[in-house]
């Protein structure tokens, strides 16, 4: 499945749905999406990982960038992470910096 990152901002919540494999070849695309989300000055960033099949270190670097770009007052939620993607988040310790959940709100 080709990579895609779809952004929607609703009521101060930036929601990004990721699909496919997030590796070095598409990390720039994800970073651009994060920059667009940050420009909206959301109070919360919700990342949907339900259909993300692979997360390389380049993708992890963009997640760290997202945490820095959004700032300390913006909570980041990672939704539906599983398998090797979840393992990458846990091995890196990034799961301590975000809220890992199976579902989000009324989605």
PDB file of N, CA and C in Angstrom:
ATOM      1  N   UNK A   1       0.847  -1.180   0.000  1.00  0.00           N
ATOM      2  CA  UNK A   1       0.000   0.000   0.000  1.00  0.00           C
ATOM      3  C   UNK A   1       0.892   1.243   0.000  1.00  0.00           C
ATOM      4  N   UNK A   2       0.672   2.172  -0.931  1.00  0.00           N
ATOM      5  CA  UNK A   2       1.470   3.399  -0.951  1.00  0.00           C
ATOM      6  C   UNK A   2       1.178   4.256   0.273  1.00  0.00           C
ATOM      7  N   UNK A   3       2.157   5.043   0.688  1.00  0.00           N
ATOM      8  CA  UNK A   3       2.004   5.893   1.862  1.00  0.00           C
ATOM      9  C   UNK A   3       1.094   7.072   1.558  1.00  0.00           C
ATOM     10  N   UNK A   4       0.288   7.440   2.553  1.00  0.00           N
ATOM     11  CA  UNK A   4      -0.486   8.670   2.479  1.00  0.00           C
ATOM     12  C   UNK A   4      -0.662   9.236   3.878  1.00  0.00           C
ATOM     13  N   UNK A   5      -0.767  10.543   3.948  1.00  0.00           N
ATOM     14  CA  UNK A   5      -1.018  11.246   5.208  1.00  0.00           C
ATOM     15  C   UNK A   5      -2.104  12.278   4.934  1.00  0.00           C
ATOM     16  N   UNK A   6      -3.269  12.078   5.524  1.00  0.00           N
ATOM     17  CA  UNK A   6      -4.420  12.956   5.309  1.00  0.00           C
ATOM     18  C   UNK A   6      -4.656  13.789   6.565  1.00  0.00           C
ATOM     19  N   UNK A   7      -4.754  15.104   6.407  1.00  0.00           N
ATOM     20  CA  UNK A   7      -4.960  16.019   7.533  1.00  0.00           C
ATOM     21  C   UNK A   7      -6.364  16.586   7.509  1.00  0.00           C
ATOM     22  N   UNK A   8      -6.991  16.610   8.683  1.00  0.00           N
ATOM     23  CA  UNK A   8      -8.263  17.304   8.880  1.00  0.00           C
ATOM     24  C   UNK A   8      -8.181  18.011  10.227  1.00  0.00           C
ATOM     25  N   UNK A   9      -8.596  19.267  10.270  1.00  0.00           N
ATOM     26  CA  UNK A   9      -8.602  20.023  11.521  1.00  0.00           C
ATOM     27  C   UNK A   9     -10.046  20.371  11.845  1.00  0.00           C
ATOM     28  N   UNK A  10     -10.505  19.896  12.995  1.00  0.00           N
ATOM     29  CA  UNK A  10     -11.886  20.098  13.413  1.00  0.00           C
ATOM     30  C   UNK A  10     -11.902  20.548  14.868  1.00  0.00           C
ATOM     31  N   UNK A  11     -12.486  21.699  15.139  1.00  0.00           N
ATOM     32  CA  UNK A  11     -12.630  22.218  16.497  1.00  0.00           C
ATOM     33  C   UNK A  11     -11.323  22.211  17.285  1.00  0.00           C
ATOM     34  N   UNK A  12     -10.242  22.649  16.651  1.00  0.00           N
ATOM     35  CA  UNK A  12      -8.959  22.753  17.341  1.00  0.00           C
ATOM     36  C   UNK A  12      -8.210  21.446  17.508  1.00  0.00           C
ATOM     37  N   UNK A  13      -8.694  20.397  16.840  1.00  0.00           N
ATOM     38  CA  UNK A  13      -8.026  19.097  16.892  1.00  0.00           C
ATOM     39  C   UNK A  13      -7.532  18.755  15.489  1.00  0.00           C
ATOM     40  N   UNK A  14      -6.212  18.607  15.358  1.00  0.00           N
ATOM     41  CA  UNK A  14      -5.620  18.212  14.077  1.00  0.00           C
ATOM     42  C   UNK A  14      -5.563  16.693  14.038  1.00  0.00           C
ATOM     43  N   UNK A  15      -6.215  16.122  13.039  1.00  0.00           N
ATOM     44  CA  UNK A  15      -6.261  14.670  12.889  1.00  0.00           C
ATOM     45  C   UNK A  15      -5.518  14.283  11.621  1.00  0.00           C
ATOM     46  N   UNK A  16      -4.529  13.387  11.775  1.00  0.00           N
ATOM     47  CA  UNK A  16      -3.744  12.927  10.641  1.00  0.00           C
ATOM     48  C   UNK A  16      -3.905  11.413  10.532  1.00  0.00           C
ATOM     49  N   UNK A  17      -4.387  10.966   9.393  1.00  0.00           N
ATOM     50  CA  UNK A  17      -4.547   9.534   9.134  1.00  0.00           C
ATOM     51  C   UNK A  17      -3.400   9.081   8.254  1.00  0.00           C
ATOM     52  N   UNK A  18      -2.628   8.119   8.760  1.00  0.00           N
ATOM     53  CA  UNK A  18      -1.471   7.595   8.041  1.00  0.00           C
ATOM     54  C   UNK A  18      -1.781   6.202   7.523  1.00  0.00           C
ATOM     55  N   UNK A  19      -1.364   5.950   6.282  1.00  0.00           N
ATOM     56  CA  UNK A  19      -1.567   4.633   5.672  1.00  0.00           C
ATOM     57  C   UNK A  19      -0.283   4.202   4.977  1.00  0.00           C
ATOM     58  N   UNK A  20      -0.049   2.898   4.951  1.00  0.00           N
ATOM     59  CA  UNK A  20       1.093   2.366   4.216  1.00  0.00           C
ATOM     60  C   UNK A  20       2.347   2.257   5.050  1.00  0.00           C
ATOM     61  N   UNK A  21       3.493   2.505   4.412  1.00  0.00           N
ATOM     62  CA  UNK A  21       4.795   2.365   5.048  1.00  0.00           C
ATOM     63  C   UNK A  21       5.468   3.727   5.159  1.00  0.00           C
ATOM     64  N   UNK A  22       5.791   4.097   6.389  1.00  0.00           N
ATOM     65  CA  UNK A  22       6.438   5.381   6.657  1.00  0.00           C
ATOM     66  C   UNK A  22       7.941   5.156   6.788  1.00  0.00           C
ATOM     67  N   UNK A  23       8.648   5.389   5.689  1.00  0.00           N
ATOM     68  CA  UNK A  23      10.099   5.205   5.678  1.00  0.00           C
ATOM     69  C   UNK A  23      10.760   6.489   5.188  1.00  0.00           C
ATOM     70  N   UNK A  24      12.063   6.434   4.971  1.00  0.00           N
ATOM     71  CA  UNK A  24      12.816   7.633   4.586  1.00  0.00           C
ATOM     72  C   UNK A  24      12.324   8.260   3.287  1.00  0.00           C
ATOM     73  N   UNK A  25      11.819   7.452   2.376  1.00  0.00           N
ATOM     74  CA  UNK A  25      11.394   7.984   1.078  1.00  0.00           C
ATOM     75  C   UNK A  25      10.143   8.851   1.167  1.00  0.00           C
ATOM     76  N   UNK A  26       9.356   8.716   2.235  1.00  0.00           N
ATOM     77  CA  UNK A  26       8.117   9.491   2.366  1.00  0.00           C
ATOM     78  C   UNK A  26       8.063  10.317   3.658  1.00  0.00           C
ATOM     79  N   UNK A  27       9.123  10.272   4.447  1.00  0.00           N
ATOM     80  CA  UNK A  27       9.148  11.011   5.716  1.00  0.00           C
ATOM     81  C   UNK A  27       8.940  12.511   5.492  1.00  0.00           C
ATOM     82  N   UNK A  28       9.469  13.041   4.391  1.00  0.00           N
ATOM     83  CA  UNK A  28       9.283  14.456   4.076  1.00  0.00           C
ATOM     84  C   UNK A  28       7.820  14.819   3.880  1.00  0.00           C
ATOM     85  N   UNK A  29       7.084  13.919   3.277  1.00  0.00           N
ATOM     86  CA  UNK A  29       5.641  14.136   3.062  1.00  0.00           C
ATOM     87  C   UNK A  29       4.927  14.204   4.413  1.00  0.00           C
ATOM     88  N   UNK A  30       5.278  13.307   5.327  1.00  0.00           N
ATOM     89  CA  UNK A  30       4.684  13.313   6.663  1.00  0.00           C
ATOM     90  C   UNK A  30       5.069  14.595   7.401  1.00  0.00           C
ATOM     91  N   UNK A  31       6.323  15.021   7.273  1.00  0.00           N
ATOM     92  CA  UNK A  31       6.775  16.244   7.936  1.00  0.00           C
ATOM     93  C   UNK A  31       5.986  17.451   7.429  1.00  0.00           C
ATOM     94  N   UNK A  32       5.744  17.534   6.125  1.00  0.00           N
ATOM     95  CA  UNK A  32       4.943  18.627   5.566  1.00  0.00           C
ATOM     96  C   UNK A  32       3.536  18.639   6.153  1.00  0.00           C
ATOM     97  N   UNK A  33       2.965  17.448   6.331  1.00  0.00           N
ATOM     98  CA  UNK A  33       1.625  17.345   6.918  1.00  0.00           C
ATOM     99  C   UNK A  33       1.639  17.848   8.359  1.00  0.00           C
ATOM    100  N   UNK A  34       2.688  17.510   9.110  1.00  0.00           N
ATOM    101  CA  UNK A  34       2.817  17.979  10.494  1.00  0.00           C
ATOM    102  C   UNK A  34       2.959  19.502  10.517  1.00  0.00           C
ATOM    103  N   UNK A  35       3.748  20.053   9.598  1.00  0.00           N
ATOM    104  CA  UNK A  35       3.901  21.508   9.532  1.00  0.00           C
ATOM    105  C   UNK A  35       2.576  22.198   9.215  1.00  0.00           C
ATOM    106  N   UNK A  36       1.790  21.606   8.324  1.00  0.00           N
ATOM    107  CA  UNK A  36       0.465  22.160   8.004  1.00  0.00           C
ATOM    108  C   UNK A  36      -0.434  22.110   9.236  1.00  0.00           C
ATOM    109  N   UNK A  37      -0.375  21.003   9.958  1.00  0.00           N
ATOM    110  CA  UNK A  37      -1.178  20.865  11.178  1.00  0.00           C
ATOM    111  C   UNK A  37      -0.761  21.892  12.221  1.00  0.00           C
ATOM    112  N   UNK A  38       0.539  22.070  12.404  1.00  0.00           N
ATOM    113  CA  UNK A  38       1.046  23.028  13.400  1.00  0.00           C
ATOM    114  C   UNK A  38       0.643  24.454  13.057  1.00  0.00           C
ATOM    115  N   UNK A  39       0.562  24.770  11.767  1.00  0.00           N
ATOM    116  CA  UNK A  39       0.164  26.110  11.332  1.00  0.00           C
ATOM    117  C   UNK A  39      -1.262  26.447  11.767  1.00  0.00           C
ATOM    118  N   UNK A  40      -2.062  25.424  11.991  1.00  0.00           N
ATOM    119  CA  UNK A  40      -3.450  25.621  12.436  1.00  0.00           C
ATOM    120  C   UNK A  40      -3.547  25.879  13.947  1.00  0.00           C
ATOM    121  N   UNK A  41      -2.413  25.756  14.638  1.00  0.00           N
ATOM    122  CA  UNK A  41      -2.333  25.952  16.093  1.00  0.00           C
ATOM    123  C   UNK A  41      -3.373  25.119  16.853  1.00  0.00           C
ATOM    124  N   UNK A  42      -3.343  23.816  16.660  1.00  0.00           N
ATOM    125  CA  UNK A  42      -4.324  22.963  17.338  1.00  0.00           C
ATOM    126  C   UNK A  42      -4.012  22.820  18.828  1.00  0.00           C
ATOM    127  N   UNK A  43      -5.007  22.425  19.581  1.00  0.00           N
ATOM    128  CA  UNK A  43      -4.790  22.132  21.000  1.00  0.00           C
ATOM    129  C   UNK A  43      -4.461  20.661  21.205  1.00  0.00           C
ATOM    130  N   UNK A  44      -4.670  19.873  20.145  1.00  0.00           N
ATOM    131  CA  UNK A  44      -4.420  18.428  20.222  1.00  0.00           C
ATOM    132  C   UNK A  44      -4.078  17.918  18.824  1.00  0.00           C
ATOM    133  N   UNK A  45      -3.137  16.955  18.774  1.00  0.00           N
ATOM    134  CA  UNK A  45      -2.784  16.287  17.518  1.00  0.00           C
ATOM    135  C   UNK A  45      -3.113  14.812  17.679  1.00  0.00           C
ATOM    136  N   UNK A  46      -3.946  14.308  16.785  1.00  0.00           N
ATOM    137  CA  UNK A  46      -4.352  12.910  16.823  1.00  0.00           C
ATOM    138  C   UNK A  46      -3.827  12.227  15.569  1.00  0.00           C
ATOM    139  N   UNK A  47      -2.990  11.221  15.765  1.00  0.00           N
ATOM    140  CA  UNK A  47      -2.390  10.475  14.659  1.00  0.00           C
ATOM    141  C   UNK A  47      -3.020   9.101  14.590  1.00  0.00           C
ATOM    142  N   UNK A  48      -3.680   8.814  13.478  1.00  0.00           N
ATOM    143  CA  UNK A  48      -4.325   7.518  13.294  1.00  0.00           C
ATOM    144  C   UNK A  48      -3.352   6.570  12.600  1.00  0.00           C
ATOM    145  N   UNK A  49      -2.922   5.561  13.335  1.00  0.00           N
ATOM    146  CA  UNK A  49      -1.953   4.579  12.841  1.00  0.00           C
ATOM    147  C   UNK A  49      -2.613   3.257  12.474  1.00  0.00           C
ATOM    148  N   UNK A  50      -3.936   3.175  12.467  1.00  0.00           N
ATOM    149  CA  UNK A  50      -4.646   1.922  12.208  1.00  0.00           C
ATOM    150  C   UNK A  50      -4.183   1.224  10.936  1.00  0.00           C
ATOM    151  N   UNK A  51      -3.880   2.008   9.896  1.00  0.00           N
ATOM    152  CA  UNK A  51      -3.491   1.431   8.615  1.00  0.00           C
ATOM    153  C   UNK A  51      -2.019   1.675   8.274  1.00  0.00           C
ATOM    154  N   UNK A  52      -1.240   2.049   9.296  1.00  0.00           N
ATOM    155  CA  UNK A  52       0.198   2.213   9.097  1.00  0.00           C
ATOM    156  C   UNK A  52       0.850   0.851   9.296  1.00  0.00           C
ATOM    157  N   UNK A  53       1.519   0.373   8.258  1.00  0.00           N
ATOM    158  CA  UNK A  53       2.068  -0.979   8.263  1.00  0.00           C
ATOM    159  C   UNK A  53       3.521  -1.050   8.724  1.00  0.00           C
ATOM    160  N   UNK A  54       4.243   0.075   8.593  1.00  0.00           N
ATOM    161  CA  UNK A  54       5.664   0.071   8.911  1.00  0.00           C
ATOM    162  C   UNK A  54       6.089   1.469   9.318  1.00  0.00           C
ATOM    163  N   UNK A  55       6.945   1.551  10.341  1.00  0.00           N
ATOM    164  CA  UNK A  55       7.467   2.828  10.820  1.00  0.00           C
ATOM    165  C   UNK A  55       8.981   2.719  10.932  1.00  0.00           C
ATOM    166  N   UNK A  56       9.684   3.371  10.015  1.00  0.00           N
ATOM    167  CA  UNK A  56      11.147   3.373  10.027  1.00  0.00           C
ATOM    168  C   UNK A  56      11.649   4.490  10.944  1.00  0.00           C
ATOM    169  N   UNK A  57      12.950   4.491  11.186  1.00  0.00           N
ATOM    170  CA  UNK A  57      13.535   5.516  12.053  1.00  0.00           C
ATOM    171  C   UNK A  57      13.298   6.922  11.513  1.00  0.00           C
ATOM    172  N   UNK A  58      13.231   7.079  10.189  1.00  0.00           N
ATOM    173  CA  UNK A  58      12.951   8.392   9.600  1.00  0.00           C
ATOM    174  C   UNK A  58      11.557   8.877  10.008  1.00  0.00           C
ATOM    175  N   UNK A  59      10.607   7.969  10.072  1.00  0.00           N
ATOM    176  CA  UNK A  59       9.261   8.315  10.516  1.00  0.00           C
ATOM    177  C   UNK A  59       9.240   8.664  11.991  1.00  0.00           C
ATOM    178  N   UNK A  60      10.034   7.947  12.765  1.00  0.00           N
ATOM    179  CA  UNK A  60      10.146   8.227  14.191  1.00  0.00           C
ATOM    180  C   UNK A  60      10.736   9.620  14.416  1.00  0.00           C
ATOM    181  N   UNK A  61      11.695  10.001  13.589  1.00  0.00           N
ATOM    182  CA  UNK A  61      12.273  11.347  13.699  1.00  0.00           C
ATOM    183  C   UNK A  61      11.215  12.414  13.433  1.00  0.00           C
ATOM    184  N   UNK A  62      10.305  12.152  12.505  1.00  0.00           N
ATOM    185  CA  UNK A  62       9.237  13.122  12.236  1.00  0.00           C
ATOM    186  C   UNK A  62       8.274  13.181  13.423  1.00  0.00           C
ATOM    187  N   UNK A  63       8.040  12.078  14.085  1.00  0.00           N
ATOM    188  CA  UNK A  63       7.207  12.099  15.290  1.00  0.00           C
ATOM    189  C   UNK A  63       7.846  12.963  16.378  1.00  0.00           C
ATOM    190  N   UNK A  64       9.150  12.845  16.525  1.00  0.00           N
ATOM    191  CA  UNK A  64       9.869  13.673  17.502  1.00  0.00           C
ATOM    192  C   UNK A  64       9.775  15.144  17.082  1.00  0.00           C
ATOM    193  N   UNK A  65       9.929  15.407  15.792  1.00  0.00           N
ATOM    194  CA  UNK A  65       9.761  16.759  15.259  1.00  0.00           C
ATOM    195  C   UNK A  65       8.358  17.285  15.582  1.00  0.00           C
ATOM    196  N   UNK A  66       7.343  16.428  15.412  1.00  0.00           N
ATOM    197  CA  UNK A  66       5.952  16.826  15.684  1.00  0.00           C
ATOM    198  C   UNK A  66       5.799  17.242  17.137  1.00  0.00           C
ATOM    199  N   UNK A  67       6.385  16.478  18.029  1.00  0.00           N
ATOM    200  CA  UNK A  67       6.300  16.778  19.461  1.00  0.00           C
ATOM    201  C   UNK A  67       6.928  18.150  19.731  1.00  0.00           C
ATOM    202  N   UNK A  68       8.070  18.415  19.120  1.00  0.00           N
ATOM    203  CA  UNK A  68       8.747  19.700  19.313  1.00  0.00           C
ATOM    204  C   UNK A  68       7.986  20.838  18.636  1.00  0.00           C
ATOM    205  N   UNK A  69       7.518  20.609  17.428  1.00  0.00           N
ATOM    206  CA  UNK A  69       6.838  21.642  16.643  1.00  0.00           C
ATOM    207  C   UNK A  69       5.508  22.060  17.292  1.00  0.00           C
ATOM    208  N   UNK A  70       4.784  21.093  17.823  1.00  0.00           N
ATOM    209  CA  UNK A  70       3.484  21.390  18.432  1.00  0.00           C
ATOM    210  C   UNK A  70       3.639  22.124  19.759  1.00  0.00           C
ATOM    211  N   UNK A  71       4.713  21.826  20.467  1.00  0.00           N
ATOM    212  CA  UNK A  71       4.951  22.488  21.749  1.00  0.00           C
ATOM    213  C   UNK A  71       4.391  21.714  22.926  1.00  0.00           C
ATOM    214  N   UNK A  72       4.758  22.162  24.084  1.00  0.00           N
ATOM    215  CA  UNK A  72       4.451  21.441  25.318  1.00  0.00           C
ATOM    216  C   UNK A  72       2.959  21.410  25.653  1.00  0.00           C
ATOM    217  N   UNK A  73       2.199  22.377  25.170  1.00  0.00           N
ATOM    218  CA  UNK A  73       0.778  22.466  25.520  1.00  0.00           C
ATOM    219  C   UNK A  73      -0.144  21.668  24.608  1.00  0.00           C
ATOM    220  N   UNK A  74       0.415  21.004  23.601  1.00  0.00           N
ATOM    221  CA  UNK A  74      -0.395  20.219  22.666  1.00  0.00           C
ATOM    222  C   UNK A  74      -0.193  18.738  22.953  1.00  0.00           C
ATOM    223  N   UNK A  75      -1.267  18.076  23.352  1.00  0.00           N
ATOM    224  CA  UNK A  75      -1.202  16.634  23.589  1.00  0.00           C
ATOM    225  C   UNK A  75      -1.231  15.903  22.258  1.00  0.00           C
ATOM    226  N   UNK A  76      -0.429  14.834  22.161  1.00  0.00           N
ATOM    227  CA  UNK A  76      -0.400  14.017  20.957  1.00  0.00           C
ATOM    228  C   UNK A  76      -0.932  12.634  21.284  1.00  0.00           C
ATOM    229  N   UNK A  77      -1.896  12.199  20.488  1.00  0.00           N
ATOM    230  CA  UNK A  77      -2.503  10.883  20.647  1.00  0.00           C
ATOM    231  C   UNK A  77      -2.125  10.030  19.436  1.00  0.00           C
ATOM    232  N   UNK A  78      -1.701   8.801  19.701  1.00  0.00           N
ATOM    233  CA  UNK A  78      -1.429   7.840  18.631  1.00  0.00           C
ATOM    234  C   UNK A  78      -2.495   6.756  18.755  1.00  0.00           C
ATOM    235  N   UNK A  79      -3.313   6.627  17.735  1.00  0.00           N
ATOM    236  CA  UNK A  79      -4.486   5.768  17.767  1.00  0.00           C
ATOM    237  C   UNK A  79      -4.289   4.538  16.874  1.00  0.00           C
ATOM    238  N   UNK A  80      -4.592   3.365  17.428  1.00  0.00           N
ATOM    239  CA  UNK A  80      -4.637   2.138  16.641  1.00  0.00           C
ATOM    240  C   UNK A  80      -3.293   1.553  16.254  1.00  0.00           C
ATOM    241  N   UNK A  81      -2.247   1.956  16.935  1.00  0.00           N
ATOM    242  CA  UNK A  81      -0.922   1.414  16.622  1.00  0.00           C
ATOM    243  C   UNK A  81      -0.864  -0.051  17.022  1.00  0.00           C
ATOM    244  N   UNK A  82      -0.258  -0.871  16.149  1.00  0.00           N
ATOM    245  CA  UNK A  82      -0.213  -2.308  16.429  1.00  0.00           C
ATOM    246  C   UNK A  82       1.005  -2.949  15.782  1.00  0.00           C
ATOM    247  N   UNK A  83       1.271  -4.178  16.166  1.00  0.00           N
ATOM    248  CA  UNK A  83       2.339  -4.973  15.568  1.00  0.00           C
ATOM    249  C   UNK A  83       3.689  -4.299  15.597  1.00  0.00           C
ATOM    250  N   UNK A  84       4.415  -4.351  14.461  1.00  0.00           N
ATOM    251  CA  UNK A  84       5.764  -3.802  14.423  1.00  0.00           C
ATOM    252  C   UNK A  84       5.815  -2.286  14.634  1.00  0.00           C
ATOM    253  N   UNK A  85       4.757  -1.580  14.262  1.00  0.00           N
ATOM    254  CA  UNK A  85       4.724  -0.129  14.468  1.00  0.00           C
ATOM    255  C   UNK A  85       4.680   0.171  15.967  1.00  0.00           C
ATOM    256  N   UNK A  86       3.836  -0.521  16.689  1.00  0.00           N
ATOM    257  CA  UNK A  86       3.755  -0.353  18.137  1.00  0.00           C
ATOM    258  C   UNK A  86       5.080  -0.746  18.788  1.00  0.00           C
ATOM    259  N   UNK A  87       5.677  -1.825  18.327  1.00  0.00           N
ATOM    260  CA  UNK A  87       6.962  -2.271  18.869  1.00  0.00           C
ATOM    261  C   UNK A  87       8.036  -1.193  18.682  1.00  0.00           C
ATOM    262  N   UNK A  88       8.039  -0.535  17.532  1.00  0.00           N
ATOM    263  CA  UNK A  88       9.005   0.538  17.278  1.00  0.00           C
ATOM    264  C   UNK A  88       8.788   1.697  18.243  1.00  0.00           C
ATOM    265  N   UNK A  89       7.540   2.076  18.463  1.00  0.00           N
ATOM    266  CA  UNK A  89       7.240   3.158  19.399  1.00  0.00           C
ATOM    267  C   UNK A  89       7.693   2.804  20.813  1.00  0.00           C
ATOM    268  N   UNK A  90       7.471   1.563  21.203  1.00  0.00           N
ATOM    269  CA  UNK A  90       7.837   1.127  22.548  1.00  0.00           C
ATOM    270  C   UNK A  90       9.352   0.976  22.710  1.00  0.00           C
ATOM    271  N   UNK A  91      10.023   0.398  21.714  1.00  0.00           N
ATOM    272  CA  UNK A  91      11.472   0.214  21.807  1.00  0.00           C
ATOM    273  C   UNK A  91      12.211   1.555  21.858  1.00  0.00           C
ATOM    274  N   UNK A  92      11.668   2.548  21.167  1.00  0.00           N
ATOM    275  CA  UNK A  92      12.310   3.859  21.138  1.00  0.00           C
ATOM    276  C   UNK A  92      12.004   4.677  22.391  1.00  0.00           C
ATOM    277  N   UNK A  93      10.979   4.273  23.135  1.00  0.00           N
ATOM    278  CA  UNK A  93      10.556   5.032  24.304  1.00  0.00           C
ATOM    279  C   UNK A  93       9.612   6.171  23.967  1.00  0.00           C
ATOM    280  N   UNK A  94       9.278   6.322  22.691  1.00  0.00           N
ATOM    281  CA  UNK A  94       8.412   7.428  22.282  1.00  0.00           C
ATOM    282  C   UNK A  94       7.014   7.301  22.883  1.00  0.00           C
ATOM    283  N   UNK A  95       6.613   6.087  23.204  1.00  0.00           N
ATOM    284  CA  UNK A  95       5.278   5.885  23.773  1.00  0.00           C
ATOM    285  C   UNK A  95       5.105   6.598  25.117  1.00  0.00           C
ATOM    286  N   UNK A  96       6.219   6.991  25.743  1.00  0.00           N
ATOM    287  CA  UNK A  96       6.133   7.743  26.999  1.00  0.00           C
ATOM    288  C   UNK A  96       5.802   9.214  26.759  1.00  0.00           C
ATOM    289  N   UNK A  97       5.933   9.675  25.514  1.00  0.00           N
ATOM    290  CA  UNK A  97       5.716  11.083  25.182  1.00  0.00           C
ATOM    291  C   UNK A  97       4.344  11.369  24.594  1.00  0.00           C
ATOM    292  N   UNK A  98       3.570  10.323  24.330  1.00  0.00           N
ATOM    293  CA  UNK A  98       2.263  10.469  23.694  1.00  0.00           C
ATOM    294  C   UNK A  98       1.243   9.606  24.426  1.00  0.00           C
ATOM    295  N   UNK A  99      -0.007   9.783  24.054  1.00  0.00           N
ATOM    296  CA  UNK A  99      -1.065   8.921  24.560  1.00  0.00           C
ATOM    297  C   UNK A  99      -1.331   7.840  23.522  1.00  0.00           C
ATOM    298  N   UNK A 100      -1.082   6.593  23.871  1.00  0.00           N
ATOM    299  CA  UNK A 100      -1.373   5.465  22.981  1.00  0.00           C
ATOM    300  C   UNK A 100      -2.766   4.945  23.317  1.00  0.00           C
ATOM    301  N   UNK A 101      -3.646   4.893  22.335  1.00  0.00           N
ATOM    302  CA  UNK A 101      -5.015   4.428  22.552  1.00  0.00           C
ATOM    303  C   UNK A 101      -5.466   3.597  21.355  1.00  0.00           C
ATOM    304  N   UNK A 102      -6.443   2.741  21.588  1.00  0.00           N
ATOM    305  CA  UNK A 102      -7.025   1.952  20.502  1.00  0.00           C
ATOM    306  C   UNK A 102      -7.997   2.771  19.677  1.00  0.00           C
ATOM    307  N   UNK A 103      -8.743   3.671  20.333  1.00  0.00           N
ATOM    308  CA  UNK A 103      -9.717   4.516  19.666  1.00  0.00           C
ATOM    309  C   UNK A 103      -9.599   5.928  20.216  1.00  0.00           C
ATOM    310  N   UNK A 104     -10.245   6.875  19.531  1.00  0.00           N
ATOM    311  CA  UNK A 104     -10.217   8.260  19.994  1.00  0.00           C
ATOM    312  C   UNK A 104     -11.632   8.820  19.974  1.00  0.00           C
ATOM    313  N   UNK A 105     -12.065   9.315  21.102  1.00  0.00           N
ATOM    314  CA  UNK A 105     -13.334  10.028  21.210  1.00  0.00           C
ATOM    315  C   UNK A 105     -14.489   9.373  20.492  1.00  0.00           C
ATOM    316  N   UNK A 106     -15.122  10.119  19.611  1.00  0.00           N
ATOM    317  CA  UNK A 106     -16.310   9.647  18.908  1.00  0.00           C
ATOM    318  C   UNK A 106     -16.006   9.075  17.527  1.00  0.00           C
ATOM    319  N   UNK A 107     -14.739   8.804  17.255  1.00  0.00           N
ATOM    320  CA  UNK A 107     -14.374   8.239  15.946  1.00  0.00           C
ATOM    321  C   UNK A 107     -14.797   6.804  15.825  1.00  0.00           C
TER     322      UNK A 107
END
